[in-house]
Amino acid sequence: MQFFIVVYGAPQRGQGAWSAYRFACSALAAGHSIYRVFFYHDGIYNGAHNGRPPQDESNLSELWSELEQREKLDLVVCISAAKRRGVFDRAEAKRYDSSPSLAPGFELSGLGQYADGLLVADRCISFGD
């Protein structure tokens, strides 16, 4: 089965973001594939590398980046939601005279990627708070 995962929740609030990550890992371990992970609303903070959790907590952004490297996942952060919250890749940071804050392995893109995921994947699973 091929999944499209949508993450609405920020890593520091609730369990939605963590549940999405655990679901992705479990689905891959069970032999399923993930077409795309789309981060929307406060879920875009999963793709920001400028936040640092306390030392005794895992960094979800780094975990997603590692999973992307290992599994070659498509991690898409909604560009409108990201700009609204101050999360930029290199190109957008230059455009707004800011610093890039998008974590490695994530890319900014629009809602067309969301619609594409709905059309292509067998199932859409959403996580949020």
Protein backbone atom coordinates (compact mmCIF):
# COMPACT_ATOMS: atom_id res chain seq x y z
CA MET A 1 0.00 0.00 0.00
CA GLN A 2 1.18 3.49 -0.78
CA PHE A 3 0.44 6.21 1.78
CA PHE A 4 0.20 9.99 1.58
CA ILE A 5 0.76 11.43 5.06
CA VAL A 6 -0.38 14.93 6.05
CA VAL A 7 0.98 16.44 9.26
CA TYR A 8 -0.91 19.37 10.80
CA GLY A 9 0.58 19.32 14.30
CA ALA A 10 3.74 21.00 15.55
CA PRO A 11 6.29 18.71 17.24
CA GLN A 12 6.18 20.60 20.54
CA ARG A 13 2.36 20.49 20.88
CA GLY A 14 0.37 17.32 21.29
CA GLN A 15 1.16 13.91 19.85
CA GLY A 16 0.05 14.36 16.23
CA ALA A 17 3.49 15.02 14.78
CA TRP A 18 5.10 12.20 16.74
CA SER A 19 2.32 9.81 15.75
CA ALA A 20 2.89 10.70 12.08
CA TYR A 21 6.59 9.93 12.38
CA ARG A 22 5.96 6.63 14.18
CA PHE A 23 3.32 5.68 11.61
CA ALA A 24 5.74 6.42 8.74
CA CYS A 25 8.45 4.28 10.33
CA SER A 26 6.03 1.42 11.02
CA ALA A 27 4.52 1.53 7.52
CA LEU A 28 7.96 1.40 5.92
CA ALA A 29 9.06 -1.43 8.22
CA ALA A 30 5.95 -3.38 7.21
CA GLY A 31 6.87 -3.08 3.52
CA HIS A 32 4.51 -0.27 2.54
CA SER A 33 5.64 2.83 0.68
CA ILE A 34 5.12 6.51 1.35
CA TYR A 35 4.37 8.64 -1.66
CA ARG A 36 4.81 11.93 0.18
CA VAL A 37 4.68 13.54 3.60
CA PHE A 38 3.05 16.97 3.46
CA PHE A 39 3.47 19.38 6.38
CA TYR A 40 0.70 21.97 6.66
CA HIS A 41 -0.46 24.63 9.16
CA ASP A 42 1.65 24.30 12.34
CA GLY A 43 2.97 21.00 10.99
CA ILE A 44 5.52 23.03 9.04
CA TYR A 45 7.53 23.33 12.28
CA ASN A 46 8.52 19.69 11.78
CA GLY A 47 10.66 20.97 8.92
CA ALA A 48 12.30 23.84 10.80
CA HIS A 49 15.81 23.33 12.11
CA ASN A 50 15.97 26.54 14.16
CA GLY A 51 14.21 25.09 17.23
CA ARG A 52 16.11 23.00 19.76
CA PRO A 53 14.31 20.65 22.15
CA PRO A 54 15.79 19.98 25.61
CA GLN A 55 18.68 17.50 25.70
CA ASP A 56 16.50 14.73 27.11
CA GLU A 57 14.02 14.95 24.18
CA SER A 58 14.37 13.79 20.60
CA ASN A 59 14.53 16.34 17.78
CA LEU A 60 11.69 15.42 15.44
CA SER A 61 13.03 17.57 12.61
CA GLU A 62 16.32 15.65 12.70
CA LEU A 63 14.47 12.32 12.85
CA TRP A 64 12.45 13.22 9.74
CA SER A 65 15.65 14.32 7.97
CA GLU A 66 17.35 11.03 8.83
CA LEU A 67 14.31 9.06 7.63
CA GLU A 68 14.32 11.04 4.38
CA GLN A 69 17.99 10.22 3.83
CA ARG A 70 17.52 6.54 4.58
CA GLU A 71 14.26 6.01 2.67
CA LYS A 72 14.44 8.80 0.05
CA LEU A 73 11.10 10.25 1.15
CA ASP A 74 9.42 13.29 -0.35
CA LEU A 75 9.05 15.70 2.60
CA VAL A 76 7.08 18.75 1.45
CA VAL A 77 6.43 21.83 3.58
CA CYS A 78 3.59 24.09 2.44
CA ILE A 79 5.27 27.27 1.26
CA SER A 80 2.39 29.58 2.25
CA ALA A 81 2.16 28.18 5.77
CA ALA A 82 5.96 28.27 6.10
CA LYS A 83 6.32 31.89 4.96
CA ARG A 84 3.53 32.92 7.33
CA ARG A 85 5.49 31.32 10.21
CA GLY A 86 8.97 32.49 9.19
CA VAL A 87 10.36 29.18 7.90
CA PHE A 88 12.41 29.69 4.73
CA ASP A 89 14.66 27.71 2.41
CA ARG A 90 17.74 29.44 0.94
CA ALA A 91 15.88 31.04 -1.98
CA GLU A 92 13.01 32.39 0.13
CA ALA A 93 15.38 33.59 2.87
CA LYS A 94 17.33 35.61 0.30
CA ARG A 95 14.10 37.01 -1.09
CA TYR A 96 12.97 38.18 2.36
CA ASP A 97 16.42 39.16 3.64
CA SER A 98 16.26 36.49 6.32
CA SER A 99 18.12 33.33 7.34
CA PRO A 100 17.25 29.90 5.97
CA SER A 101 15.55 27.74 8.58
CA LEU A 102 14.29 24.75 6.58
CA ALA A 103 15.86 21.50 7.76
CA PRO A 104 17.82 19.26 5.38
CA GLY A 105 15.67 16.85 3.37
CA PHE A 106 12.59 19.09 3.38
CA GLU A 107 11.42 21.17 0.43
CA LEU A 108 9.00 24.08 0.13
CA SER A 109 6.17 23.67 -2.34
CA GLY A 110 2.52 24.52 -2.85
CA LEU A 111 -0.84 22.87 -2.42
CA GLY A 112 -0.48 21.25 -5.84
CA GLN A 113 1.76 18.70 -4.09
CA TYR A 114 -1.06 18.10 -1.61
CA ALA A 115 -3.60 17.51 -4.39
CA ASP A 116 -1.16 15.26 -6.23
CA GLY A 117 -0.69 13.15 -3.10
CA LEU A 118 -4.44 12.70 -2.78
CA LEU A 119 -4.70 11.57 -6.39
CA VAL A 120 -1.72 9.20 -6.51
CA ALA A 121 -1.54 7.44 -3.14
CA ASP A 122 -3.77 4.55 -2.13
CA ARG A 123 -4.54 6.11 1.27
CA CYS A 124 -4.24 9.54 2.87
CA ILE A 125 -3.58 9.55 6.60
CA SER A 126 -3.59 12.89 8.46
CA PHE A 127 -2.17 13.69 11.87
CA GLY A 128 -2.74 16.83 13.86
CA ASP A 129 -3.95 18.42 17.03
